[in-house]
C-alpha atoms as a PDB file:
ATOM      1  CA  MET A   1      -5.465 -28.110  -7.694  1.00  0.00           C
ATOM      2  CA  SER A   2      -7.807 -27.023 -10.492  1.00  0.00           C
ATOM      3  CA  ILE A   3     -10.265 -24.184 -10.083  1.00  0.00           C
ATOM      4  CA  PRO A   4     -13.870 -25.536 -10.063  1.00  0.00           C
ATOM      5  CA  LEU A   5     -16.038 -24.045 -12.789  1.00  0.00           C
ATOM      6  CA  PRO A   6     -19.079 -22.139 -11.504  1.00  0.00           C
ATOM      7  CA  ASN A   7     -22.610 -23.396 -11.990  1.00  0.00           C
ATOM      8  CA  LEU A   8     -24.052 -20.710 -14.255  1.00  0.00           C
ATOM      9  CA  ASP A   9     -27.700 -21.640 -13.588  1.00  0.00           C
ATOM     10  CA  ASP A  10     -29.120 -24.592 -11.626  1.00  0.00           C
ATOM     11  CA  ARG A  11     -32.839 -23.944 -12.184  1.00  0.00           C
ATOM     12  CA  THR A  12     -34.847 -27.003 -13.234  1.00  0.00           C
ATOM     13  CA  TYR A  13     -37.959 -27.395 -15.379  1.00  0.00           C
ATOM     14  CA  ALA A  14     -40.162 -27.502 -12.246  1.00  0.00           C
ATOM     15  CA  ASP A  15     -38.515 -24.310 -10.905  1.00  0.00           C
ATOM     16  CA  LEU A  16     -39.192 -22.452 -14.146  1.00  0.00           C
ATOM     17  CA  VAL A  17     -42.856 -23.535 -14.314  1.00  0.00           C
ATOM     18  CA  GLU A  18     -43.388 -22.565 -10.674  1.00  0.00           C
ATOM     19  CA  GLU A  19     -41.723 -19.171 -11.162  1.00  0.00           C
ATOM     20  CA  ALA A  20     -43.819 -18.377 -14.232  1.00  0.00           C
ATOM     21  CA  GLY A  21     -47.023 -19.530 -12.523  1.00  0.00           C
ATOM     22  CA  ALA A  22     -46.324 -17.239  -9.565  1.00  0.00           C
ATOM     23  CA  LEU A  23     -46.225 -14.247 -11.907  1.00  0.00           C
ATOM     24  CA  ILE A  24     -49.704 -14.865 -13.387  1.00  0.00           C
ATOM     25  CA  PRO A  25     -51.732 -13.197 -10.572  1.00  0.00           C
ATOM     26  CA  ILE A  26     -49.403 -10.183 -10.694  1.00  0.00           C
ATOM     27  CA  GLU A  27     -49.232  -9.677 -14.475  1.00  0.00           C
ATOM     28  CA  TYR A  28     -52.698 -10.986 -15.502  1.00  0.00           C
ATOM     29  CA  PRO A  29     -55.153 -11.058 -12.559  1.00  0.00           C
ATOM     30  CA  GLU A  30     -58.041 -11.952 -14.886  1.00  0.00           C
ATOM     31  CA  TRP A  31     -56.330 -15.236 -15.804  1.00  0.00           C
ATOM     32  CA  THR A  32     -57.927 -17.639 -13.318  1.00  0.00           C
ATOM     33  CA  ASP A  33     -57.807 -21.012 -15.104  1.00  0.00           C
ATOM     34  CA  HIS A  34     -54.483 -22.612 -14.115  1.00  0.00           C
ATOM     35  CA  ASN A  35     -55.381 -26.183 -15.067  1.00  0.00           C
ATOM     36  CA  PRO A  36     -52.897 -28.218 -17.190  1.00  0.00           C
ATOM     37  CA  SER A  37     -55.405 -28.203 -20.036  1.00  0.00           C
ATOM     38  CA  ASP A  38     -55.367 -24.396 -20.247  1.00  0.00           C
ATOM     39  CA  THR A  39     -53.632 -23.129 -23.372  1.00  0.00           C
ATOM     40  CA  GLY A  40     -51.595 -20.580 -21.401  1.00  0.00           C
ATOM     41  CA  ILE A  41     -50.365 -23.236 -18.962  1.00  0.00           C
ATOM     42  CA  ILE A  42     -49.396 -25.473 -21.897  1.00  0.00           C
ATOM     43  CA  LEU A  43     -47.411 -22.573 -23.374  1.00  0.00           C
ATOM     44  CA  ILE A  44     -45.638 -21.924 -20.047  1.00  0.00           C
ATOM     45  CA  GLU A  45     -44.679 -25.603 -19.757  1.00  0.00           C
ATOM     46  CA  MET A  46     -43.352 -25.664 -23.310  1.00  0.00           C
ATOM     47  CA  LEU A  47     -41.242 -22.527 -22.794  1.00  0.00           C
ATOM     48  CA  ALA A  48     -39.938 -23.915 -19.481  1.00  0.00           C
ATOM     49  CA  TRP A  49     -38.883 -27.083 -21.292  1.00  0.00           C
ATOM     50  CA  LEU A  50     -37.034 -25.080 -23.940  1.00  0.00           C
ATOM     51  CA  MET A  51     -35.423 -22.858 -21.310  1.00  0.00           C
ATOM     52  CA  GLU A  52     -34.181 -25.871 -19.344  1.00  0.00           C
ATOM     53  CA  MET A  53     -32.386 -27.123 -22.454  1.00  0.00           C
ATOM     54  CA  VAL A  54     -30.788 -23.714 -23.039  1.00  0.00           C
ATOM     55  CA  LEU A  55     -29.586 -23.568 -19.420  1.00  0.00           C
ATOM     56  CA  TYR A  56     -28.134 -27.040 -19.753  1.00  0.00           C
ATOM     57  CA  ARG A  57     -26.128 -25.878 -22.757  1.00  0.00           C
ATOM     58  CA  VAL A  58     -24.920 -22.808 -20.854  1.00  0.00           C
ATOM     59  CA  ASN A  59     -23.457 -25.066 -18.189  1.00  0.00           C
ATOM     60  CA  GLN A  60     -21.900 -27.328 -20.834  1.00  0.00           C
ATOM     61  CA  VAL A  61     -19.433 -24.944 -22.524  1.00  0.00           C
ATOM     62  CA  PRO A  62     -17.416 -26.986 -25.036  1.00  0.00           C
ATOM     63  CA  ASP A  63     -13.664 -27.205 -24.512  1.00  0.00           C
ATOM     64  CA  ARG A  64     -13.104 -25.558 -27.868  1.00  0.00           C
ATOM     65  CA  ASN A  65     -15.029 -22.473 -26.715  1.00  0.00           C
ATOM     66  CA  VAL A  66     -13.073 -22.392 -23.440  1.00  0.00           C
ATOM     67  CA  GLU A  67      -9.815 -22.446 -25.400  1.00  0.00           C
ATOM     68  CA  MET A  68     -10.980 -19.509 -27.524  1.00  0.00           C
ATOM     69  CA  PHE A  69     -11.930 -17.539 -24.399  1.00  0.00           C
ATOM     70  CA  LEU A  70      -8.506 -18.219 -22.864  1.00  0.00           C
ATOM     71  CA  LYS A  71      -6.750 -17.044 -26.021  1.00  0.00           C
ATOM     72  CA  LEU A  72      -8.730 -13.811 -25.888  1.00  0.00           C
ATOM     73  CA  LEU A  73      -7.666 -13.259 -22.267  1.00  0.00           C
ATOM     74  CA  ASN A  74      -4.005 -14.133 -22.859  1.00  0.00           C
ATOM     75  CA  GLU A  75      -1.376 -12.722 -25.174  1.00  0.00           C
ATOM     76  CA  PRO A  76      -1.875 -13.968 -28.754  1.00  0.00           C
ATOM     77  CA  GLU A  77       1.560 -15.617 -28.906  1.00  0.00           C
ATOM     78  CA  LYS A  78       1.279 -17.302 -25.509  1.00  0.00           C
ATOM     79  CA  LYS A  79       1.024 -21.075 -25.692  1.00  0.00           C
ATOM     80  CA  LEU A  80      -1.660 -22.548 -23.444  1.00  0.00           C
ATOM     81  CA  ASP A  81      -1.105 -25.619 -21.325  1.00  0.00           C
ATOM     82  CA  GLU A  82      -2.540 -28.777 -22.853  1.00  0.00           C
ATOM     83  CA  ASN A  83      -4.400 -29.477 -19.628  1.00  0.00           C
ATOM     84  CA  LEU A  84      -7.428 -27.188 -19.857  1.00  0.00           C
ATOM     85  CA  HIS A  85      -7.910 -26.911 -16.082  1.00  0.00           C
ATOM     86  CA  ILE A  86      -4.265 -25.830 -15.616  1.00  0.00           C
ATOM     87  CA  ALA A  87      -4.623 -23.290 -18.442  1.00  0.00           C
ATOM     88  CA  ILE A  88      -7.745 -21.836 -16.778  1.00  0.00           C
ATOM     89  CA  ARG A  89      -5.952 -21.598 -13.422  1.00  0.00           C
ATOM     90  CA  GLU A  90      -2.894 -19.874 -14.904  1.00  0.00           C
ATOM     91  CA  THR A  91      -5.059 -17.399 -16.794  1.00  0.00           C
ATOM     92  CA  VAL A  92      -7.098 -16.495 -13.698  1.00  0.00           C
ATOM     93  CA  LEU A  93      -3.914 -16.017 -11.644  1.00  0.00           C
ATOM     94  CA  ASP A  94      -2.439 -13.779 -14.358  1.00  0.00           C
ATOM     95  CA  LEU A  95      -5.603 -11.664 -14.368  1.00  0.00           C
ATOM     96  CA  ARG A  96      -5.297 -11.156 -10.617  1.00  0.00           C
ATOM     97  CA  GLN A  97      -1.807  -9.684 -10.912  1.00  0.00           C
ATOM     98  CA  ARG A  98      -1.445  -5.894 -10.932  1.00  0.00           C
ATOM     99  CA  PHE A  99      -0.624  -4.420 -14.305  1.00  0.00           C
ATOM    100  CA  ARG A 100      -2.566  -1.194 -14.663  1.00  0.00           C
ATOM    101  CA  ALA A 101      -1.985   1.719 -12.298  1.00  0.00           C
ATOM    102  CA  VAL A 102      -5.336   3.239 -11.378  1.00  0.00           C
ATOM    103  CA  THR A 103      -5.641   3.444  -7.586  1.00  0.00           C
ATOM    104  CA  ARG A 104      -3.135   4.665  -5.006  1.00  0.00           C
ATOM    105  CA  GLU A 105      -2.467   1.070  -4.007  1.00  0.00           C
ATOM    106  CA  ASP A 106      -1.733   0.189  -7.641  1.00  0.00           C
ATOM    107  CA  PHE A 107       0.987   2.821  -7.974  1.00  0.00           C
ATOM    108  CA  GLU A 108       2.564   1.971  -4.621  1.00  0.00           C
ATOM    109  CA  GLN A 109       2.606  -1.788  -5.175  1.00  0.00           C
ATOM    110  CA  LEU A 110       3.822  -1.597  -8.777  1.00  0.00           C
ATOM    111  CA  ALA A 111       6.709   0.609  -7.626  1.00  0.00           C
ATOM    112  CA  LEU A 112       7.666  -1.937  -4.960  1.00  0.00           C
ATOM    113  CA  ASP A 113       7.425  -4.847  -7.415  1.00  0.00           C
ATOM    114  CA  TRP A 114       9.530  -3.055 -10.042  1.00  0.00           C
ATOM    115  CA  TYR A 115      13.243  -3.725 -10.349  1.00  0.00           C
ATOM    116  CA  SER A 116      16.014  -2.408 -12.603  1.00  0.00           C
ATOM    117  CA  THR A 117      19.794  -2.659 -12.872  1.00  0.00           C
ATOM    118  CA  GLU A 118      20.067   0.624 -10.940  1.00  0.00           C
ATOM    119  CA  GLY A 119      18.302  -0.882  -7.928  1.00  0.00           C
ATOM    120  CA  LYS A 120      14.808  -1.224  -6.500  1.00  0.00           C
ATOM    121  CA  ILE A 121      12.235   0.743  -4.523  1.00  0.00           C
ATOM    122  CA  VAL A 122      11.800  -0.240  -0.877  1.00  0.00           C
ATOM    123  CA  ARG A 123       9.155   2.313   0.179  1.00  0.00           C
ATOM    124  CA  SER A 124       6.525   4.208  -1.761  1.00  0.00           C
ATOM    125  CA  ARG A 125       3.745   6.678  -1.021  1.00  0.00           C
ATOM    126  CA  CYS A 126       1.215   7.789  -3.642  1.00  0.00           C
ATOM    127  CA  ILE A 127      -0.271  11.261  -3.189  1.00  0.00           C
ATOM    128  CA  PRO A 128      -3.144  12.029  -5.593  1.00  0.00           C
ATOM    129  CA  ASN A 129      -3.982  15.494  -6.896  1.00  0.00           C
ATOM    130  CA  ARG A 130      -0.560  16.912  -6.017  1.00  0.00           C
ATOM    131  CA  ASN A 131       2.427  18.030  -8.086  1.00  0.00           C
ATOM    132  CA  LEU A 132       5.460  17.658  -5.852  1.00  0.00           C
ATOM    133  CA  THR A 133       7.917  18.595  -8.592  1.00  0.00           C
ATOM    134  CA  LEU A 134       7.075  22.276  -8.051  1.00  0.00           C
ATOM    135  CA  THR A 135       9.777  24.228  -6.250  1.00  0.00           C
ATOM    136  CA  ASP A 136       7.466  26.575  -4.382  1.00  0.00           C
ATOM    137  CA  SER A 137       6.360  24.985  -1.104  1.00  0.00           C
ATOM    138  CA  THR A 138       2.969  26.698  -1.193  1.00  0.00           C
ATOM    139  CA  SER A 139       2.224  25.471  -4.715  1.00  0.00           C
ATOM    140  CA  ARG A 140       3.144  21.947  -3.720  1.00  0.00           C
ATOM    141  CA  LYS A 141       0.412  21.971  -1.093  1.00  0.00           C
ATOM    142  CA  ASN A 142      -2.249  23.143  -3.552  1.00  0.00           C
ATOM    143  CA  GLU A 143      -4.572  20.622  -5.147  1.00  0.00           C
ATOM    144  CA  ALA A 144      -3.608  19.703  -8.704  1.00  0.00           C
ATOM    145  CA  PRO A 145      -6.427  17.688 -10.364  1.00  0.00           C
ATOM    146  CA  GLY A 146      -5.185  14.952 -12.659  1.00  0.00           C
ATOM    147  CA  HIS A 147      -1.704  14.899 -11.128  1.00  0.00           C
ATOM    148  CA  ILE A 148      -0.283  12.034  -9.094  1.00  0.00           C
ATOM    149  CA  SER A 149       2.979  12.255  -7.180  1.00  0.00           C
ATOM    150  CA  LEU A 150       4.656   8.999  -6.247  1.00  0.00           C
ATOM    151  CA  VAL A 151       7.133   9.464  -3.407  1.00  0.00           C
ATOM    152  CA  VAL A 152       9.718   6.676  -3.443  1.00  0.00           C
ATOM    153  CA  LEU A 153      12.705   5.592  -1.390  1.00  0.00           C
ATOM    154  CA  PRO A 154      15.296   3.677  -3.397  1.00  0.00           C
ATOM    155  CA  GLU A 155      17.286   0.918  -1.774  1.00  0.00           C
ATOM    156  CA  SER A 156      20.343   3.171  -2.075  1.00  0.00           C
ATOM    157  CA  SER A 157      18.811   5.538   0.523  1.00  0.00           C
ATOM    158  CA  ALA A 158      20.086   3.212   3.243  1.00  0.00           C
ATOM    159  CA  LYS A 159      23.690   3.531   2.049  1.00  0.00           C
ATOM    160  CA  PRO A 160      26.136   6.026   3.636  1.00  0.00           C
ATOM    161  CA  THR A 161      26.637   7.774   0.277  1.00  0.00           C
ATOM    162  CA  ILE A 162      24.144   8.076  -2.550  1.00  0.00           C
ATOM    163  CA  ASP A 163      25.096   8.335  -6.208  1.00  0.00           C
ATOM    164  CA  LEU A 164      22.882  11.208  -7.419  1.00  0.00           C
ATOM    165  CA  LYS A 165      23.098  10.140 -11.077  1.00  0.00           C
ATOM    166  CA  GLU A 166      22.170   6.592 -10.152  1.00  0.00           C
ATOM    167  CA  ALA A 167      19.175   7.824  -8.146  1.00  0.00           C
ATOM    168  CA  LEU A 168      18.067  10.057 -11.045  1.00  0.00           C
ATOM    169  CA  ASP A 169      18.301   7.198 -13.550  1.00  0.00           C
ATOM    170  CA  LEU A 170      16.321   5.005 -11.175  1.00  0.00           C
ATOM    171  CA  LYS A 171      13.457   7.489 -10.996  1.00  0.00           C
ATOM    172  CA  LYS A 172      13.439   7.965 -14.771  1.00  0.00           C
ATOM    173  CA  ASP A 173      13.258   4.227 -15.393  1.00  0.00           C
ATOM    174  CA  LEU A 174      10.478   3.833 -12.836  1.00  0.00           C
ATOM    175  CA  TRP A 175       8.538   6.708 -14.419  1.00  0.00           C
ATOM    176  CA  LYS A 176       8.767   5.030 -17.843  1.00  0.00           C
ATOM    177  CA  TYR A 177       7.575   1.756 -16.347  1.00  0.00           C
ATOM    178  CA  LEU A 178       4.540   3.366 -14.686  1.00  0.00           C
ATOM    179  CA  ASP A 179       3.835   5.700 -17.597  1.00  0.00           C
ATOM    180  CA  GLU A 180       2.884   2.676 -19.720  1.00  0.00           C
ATOM    181  CA  ARG A 181       0.408   1.555 -17.056  1.00  0.00           C
ATOM    182  CA  ARG A 182      -1.251   4.799 -15.985  1.00  0.00           C
ATOM    183  CA  LEU A 183      -4.576   6.175 -17.191  1.00  0.00           C
ATOM    184  CA  LEU A 184      -4.310   8.435 -20.225  1.00  0.00           C
ATOM    185  CA  THR A 185      -5.468  11.512 -18.290  1.00  0.00           C
ATOM    186  CA  THR A 186      -3.092  10.996 -15.338  1.00  0.00           C
ATOM    187  CA  ARG A 187       0.015  13.168 -15.074  1.00  0.00           C
ATOM    188  CA  LEU A 188       2.568  11.213 -13.097  1.00  0.00           C
ATOM    189  CA  HIS A 189       5.515  12.555 -11.097  1.00  0.00           C
ATOM    190  CA  VAL A 190       8.104  10.330  -9.397  1.00  0.00           C
ATOM    191  CA  VAL A 191       9.936  12.128  -6.606  1.00  0.00           C
ATOM    192  CA  GLU A 192      11.967  11.403  -3.514  1.00  0.00           C
ATOM    193  CA  PRO A 193      10.644  12.516  -0.113  1.00  0.00           C
ATOM    194  CA  ASP A 194      11.360  15.818   1.525  1.00  0.00           C
ATOM    195  CA  TYR A 195      13.208  15.526   4.802  1.00  0.00           C
ATOM    196  CA  CYS A 196      12.376  17.587   7.854  1.00  0.00           C
ATOM    197  CA  SER A 197      15.642  18.420   9.637  1.00  0.00           C
ATOM    198  CA  LEU A 198      15.632  17.589  13.324  1.00  0.00           C
ATOM    199  CA  THR A 199      18.188  18.261  16.044  1.00  0.00           C
ATOM    200  CA  ILE A 200      17.866  16.993  19.598  1.00  0.00           C
ATOM    201  CA  GLU A 201      19.565  18.111  22.793  1.00  0.00           C
ATOM    202  CA  ALA A 202      18.795  16.664  26.195  1.00  0.00           C
ATOM    203  CA  GLN A 203      20.143  16.214  29.702  1.00  0.00           C
ATOM    204  CA  LEU A 204      20.115  12.594  30.821  1.00  0.00           C
ATOM    205  CA  TYR A 205      20.304  11.954  34.551  1.00  0.00           C
ATOM    206  CA  LEU A 206      21.800   8.539  35.237  1.00  0.00           C
ATOM    207  CA  GLU A 207      20.968   5.914  37.782  1.00  0.00           C
ATOM    208  CA  ASP A 208      23.667   5.108  40.323  1.00  0.00           C
ATOM    209  CA  GLY A 209      26.359   2.903  38.803  1.00  0.00           C
ATOM    210  CA  ALA A 210      25.274   3.417  35.180  1.00  0.00           C
ATOM    211  CA  ASP A 211      27.990   3.574  32.504  1.00  0.00           C
ATOM    212  CA  SER A 212      27.866   7.059  30.976  1.00  0.00           C
ATOM    213  CA  LEU A 213      29.621   6.016  27.739  1.00  0.00           C
ATOM    214  CA  LYS A 214      27.179   3.170  27.131  1.00  0.00           C
ATOM    215  CA  VAL A 215      24.179   5.388  27.884  1.00  0.00           C
ATOM    216  CA  ARG A 216      25.372   8.117  25.489  1.00  0.00           C
ATOM    217  CA  LYS A 217      26.019   5.580  22.738  1.00  0.00           C
ATOM    218  CA  LYS A 218      22.674   3.865  23.330  1.00  0.00           C
ATOM    219  CA  ALA A 219      20.788   7.175  23.314  1.00  0.00           C
ATOM    220  CA  LYS A 220      22.321   8.164  19.971  1.00  0.00           C
ATOM    221  CA  ARG A 221      21.556   4.746  18.494  1.00  0.00           C
ATOM    222  CA  GLU A 222      17.913   4.647  19.647  1.00  0.00           C
ATOM    223  CA  VAL A 223      17.135   8.145  18.370  1.00  0.00           C
ATOM    224  CA  GLU A 224      18.637   7.347  14.976  1.00  0.00           C
ATOM    225  CA  LEU A 225      16.638   4.121  14.721  1.00  0.00           C
ATOM    226  CA  PHE A 226      13.431   5.822  15.862  1.00  0.00           C
ATOM    227  CA  PHE A 227      13.576   8.327  12.980  1.00  0.00           C
ATOM    228  CA  HIS A 228      15.286   6.143  10.366  1.00  0.00           C
ATOM    229  CA  PRO A 229      13.426   6.214   7.008  1.00  0.00           C
ATOM    230  CA  LEU A 230      14.114   2.554   6.193  1.00  0.00           C
ATOM    231  CA  ASN A 231      15.726   0.323   8.797  1.00  0.00           C
ATOM    232  CA  SER A 232      14.050   1.251  12.068  1.00  0.00           C
ATOM    233  CA  GLU A 233      14.449  -2.264  13.521  1.00  0.00           C
ATOM    234  CA  HIS A 234      12.129  -2.565  16.562  1.00  0.00           C
ATOM    235  CA  TYR A 235      10.386   0.739  15.815  1.00  0.00           C
ATOM    236  CA  TRP A 236       7.534   1.027  13.290  1.00  0.00           C
ATOM    237  CA  ASP A 237       7.684  -2.707  12.512  1.00  0.00           C
ATOM    238  CA  GLY A 238      11.123  -2.161  11.004  1.00  0.00           C
ATOM    239  CA  LYS A 239       9.627  -0.244   8.053  1.00  0.00           C
ATOM    240  CA  GLY A 240      10.946   3.203   8.915  1.00  0.00           C
ATOM    241  CA  TRP A 241       9.376   6.423  10.134  1.00  0.00           C
ATOM    242  CA  PRO A 242       5.849   6.718   8.666  1.00  0.00           C
ATOM    243  CA  PHE A 243       5.329   9.257   5.891  1.00  0.00           C
ATOM    244  CA  GLY A 244       3.829  12.490   7.177  1.00  0.00           C
ATOM    245  CA  ARG A 245       3.806  11.482  10.854  1.00  0.00           C
ATOM    246  CA  ASN A 246       4.303  14.434  13.207  1.00  0.00           C
ATOM    247  CA  VAL A 247       7.215  14.514  15.629  1.00  0.00           C
ATOM    248  CA  TYR A 248       6.072  14.780  19.255  1.00  0.00           C
ATOM    249  CA  ARG A 249       8.243  16.032  22.094  1.00  0.00           C
ATOM    250  CA  SER A 250       6.511  13.725  24.578  1.00  0.00           C
ATOM    251  CA  GLU A 251       7.578  10.648  22.563  1.00  0.00           C
ATOM    252  CA  LEU A 252      11.202  11.781  22.705  1.00  0.00           C
ATOM    253  CA  TYR A 253      10.969  12.084  26.490  1.00  0.00           C
ATOM    254  CA  GLN A 254       9.594   8.557  26.646  1.00  0.00           C
ATOM    255  CA  LEU A 255      12.217   7.219  24.225  1.00  0.00           C
ATOM    256  CA  LEU A 256      15.156   8.620  26.183  1.00  0.00           C
ATOM    257  CA  ALA A 257      13.733   7.796  29.610  1.00  0.00           C
ATOM    258  CA  GLN A 258      13.433   4.096  28.682  1.00  0.00           C
ATOM    259  CA  ILE A 259      17.138   3.740  27.905  1.00  0.00           C
ATOM    260  CA  PRO A 260      18.807   1.422  30.457  1.00  0.00           C
ATOM    261  CA  GLY A 261      20.723   3.451  33.020  1.00  0.00           C
ATOM    262  CA  VAL A 262      18.680   6.660  32.591  1.00  0.00           C
ATOM    263  CA  ASP A 263      16.834   7.823  35.698  1.00  0.00           C
ATOM    264  CA  TYR A 264      15.029  10.788  34.131  1.00  0.00           C
ATOM    265  CA  VAL A 265      15.334  13.393  31.361  1.00  0.00           C
ATOM    266  CA  GLU A 266      15.420  17.178  31.578  1.00  0.00           C
ATOM    267  CA  ILE A 267      15.902  20.191  29.307  1.00  0.00           C
ATOM    268  CA  LEU A 268      14.873  18.463  26.090  1.00  0.00           C
ATOM    269  CA  LYS A 269      15.334  20.799  23.129  1.00  0.00           C
ATOM    270  CA  VAL A 270      13.924  20.043  19.693  1.00  0.00           C
ATOM    271  CA  ASN A 271      15.542  22.155  16.968  1.00  0.00           C
ATOM    272  CA  GLY A 272      16.947  24.352  19.719  1.00  0.00           C
ATOM    273  CA  ASN A 273      13.519  25.039  21.230  1.00  0.00           C
ATOM    274  CA  GLU A 274      12.764  23.777  24.726  1.00  0.00           C
ATOM    275  CA  LYS A 275       9.051  24.637  24.518  1.00  0.00           C
ATOM    276  CA  LEU A 276       8.276  23.093  21.114  1.00  0.00           C
ATOM    277  CA  THR A 277       5.632  20.393  21.626  1.00  0.00           C
ATOM    278  CA  ASP A 278       5.411  18.965  18.115  1.00  0.00           C
ATOM    279  CA  ILE A 279       6.652  19.365  14.548  1.00  0.00           C
ATOM    280  CA  PRO A 280       3.981  18.851  11.863  1.00  0.00           C
ATOM    281  CA  LEU A 281       5.035  16.988   8.714  1.00  0.00           C
ATOM    282  CA  GLU A 282       3.481  16.974   5.261  1.00  0.00           C
ATOM    283  CA  ASP A 283       2.300  13.621   3.902  1.00  0.00           C
ATOM    284  CA  TYR A 284       5.353  13.439   1.603  1.00  0.00           C
ATOM    285  CA  GLN A 285       7.924  14.170   4.330  1.00  0.00           C
ATOM    286  CA  LEU A 286      10.208  12.041   6.486  1.00  0.00           C
ATOM    287  CA  VAL A 287      12.657  12.983   9.237  1.00  0.00           C
ATOM    288  CA  ALA A 288      16.396  13.569   8.947  1.00  0.00           C
ATOM    289  CA  VAL A 289      17.661  13.592  12.536  1.00  0.00           C
ATOM    290  CA  LYS A 290      21.095  14.850  13.532  1.00  0.00           C
ATOM    291  CA  VAL A 291      22.528  13.544  16.793  1.00  0.00           C
ATOM    292  CA  ASP A 292      26.116  13.205  17.946  1.00  0.00           C
ATOM    293  CA  GLN A 293      28.014  12.744  21.172  1.00  0.00           C
ATOM    294  CA  LYS A 294      27.395  16.387  22.107  1.00  0.00           C
ATOM    295  CA  SER A 295      23.626  16.079  21.745  1.00  0.00           C
ATOM    296  CA  PHE A 296      23.278  14.513  25.188  1.00  0.00           C
ATOM    297  CA  THR A 297      24.553  15.978  28.410  1.00  0.00           C
ATOM    298  CA  ILE A 298      25.126  13.114  30.817  1.00  0.00           C
ATOM    299  CA  MET A 299      24.539  13.938  34.487  1.00  0.00           C
ATOM    300  CA  GLU A 300      25.927  11.726  37.269  1.00  0.00           C
ATOM    301  CA  ARG A 301      25.237  11.983  40.981  1.00  0.00           C
ATOM    302  CA  ARG A 302      28.321  13.048  42.985  1.00  0.00           C
ATOM    303  CA  GLY A 303      27.342  13.090  46.613  1.00  0.00           C
ATOM    304  CA  ASN A 304      24.342  15.363  46.928  1.00  0.00           C
ATOM    305  CA  ASP A 305      25.001  17.133  43.608  1.00  0.00           C
ATOM    306  CA  TRP A 306      24.736  16.303  39.904  1.00  0.00           C
ATOM    307  CA  LYS A 307      27.783  16.738  37.686  1.00  0.00           C
ATOM    308  CA  SER A 308      28.020  16.544  33.877  1.00  0.00           C
ATOM    309  CA  VAL A 309      30.428  13.987  32.469  1.00  0.00           C
END
């Protein structure tokens, strides 16, 4: 389907005469004779006639001119389609594609669209006016005008082991790709996210007849998915823990209490602290949670008492 060309100007001769006549009382109040025999009216009608012809020509751009415009918009060596309407459509679609990196969205989307032999980027977060390559944590929080830090997660982050050289080469290649597209005054840094370490300990009180092994396994699995940076499945639309989102103790209570077979949760410790209500994260941080079979104490009812299993 071809893209319809816009109507550059649809004013007629009558519209132009009427518009000019309406301006007479404003520009020249002393001009009161608006009869067709008046010299000024004759001049207005003549200019309107000439203008109508010019507007007609504007709307009738020759094909040769259109071809020259398309060549200016495309690469010099690119061959245009013989069908002019198809060539126009392809050119407009090419112009709508991202190429330059100016806004935050530009950097993030270009990183996701980029691909190399070392792999691809599956998540990105652009943080303007920050230099996250600095080693000092305080300096990293300070505003750095002109700097842009692009936090990326390579596809290899989801693997059990990560080849550090491969990850380094990936970031270098991505930096080169974006360096050609950035503004001249922008200083770009491509980094991986910082991870906030998180340990969880909790007592899970089971419902009567619940399988303790299944509950322990399910609890470990759900916590890992909840904080996973990439494959979070039914949490966070499957896109992973959001960058910079705080960790809340109340959400952990809710997460564990909803596990099938769990009656209620007690003594929930986050990083060894039972009174910690939340853990604030910087906008370039994700969560690295550590849970194992010993993280959850399973309590079963034995008569009138609760026993750990």
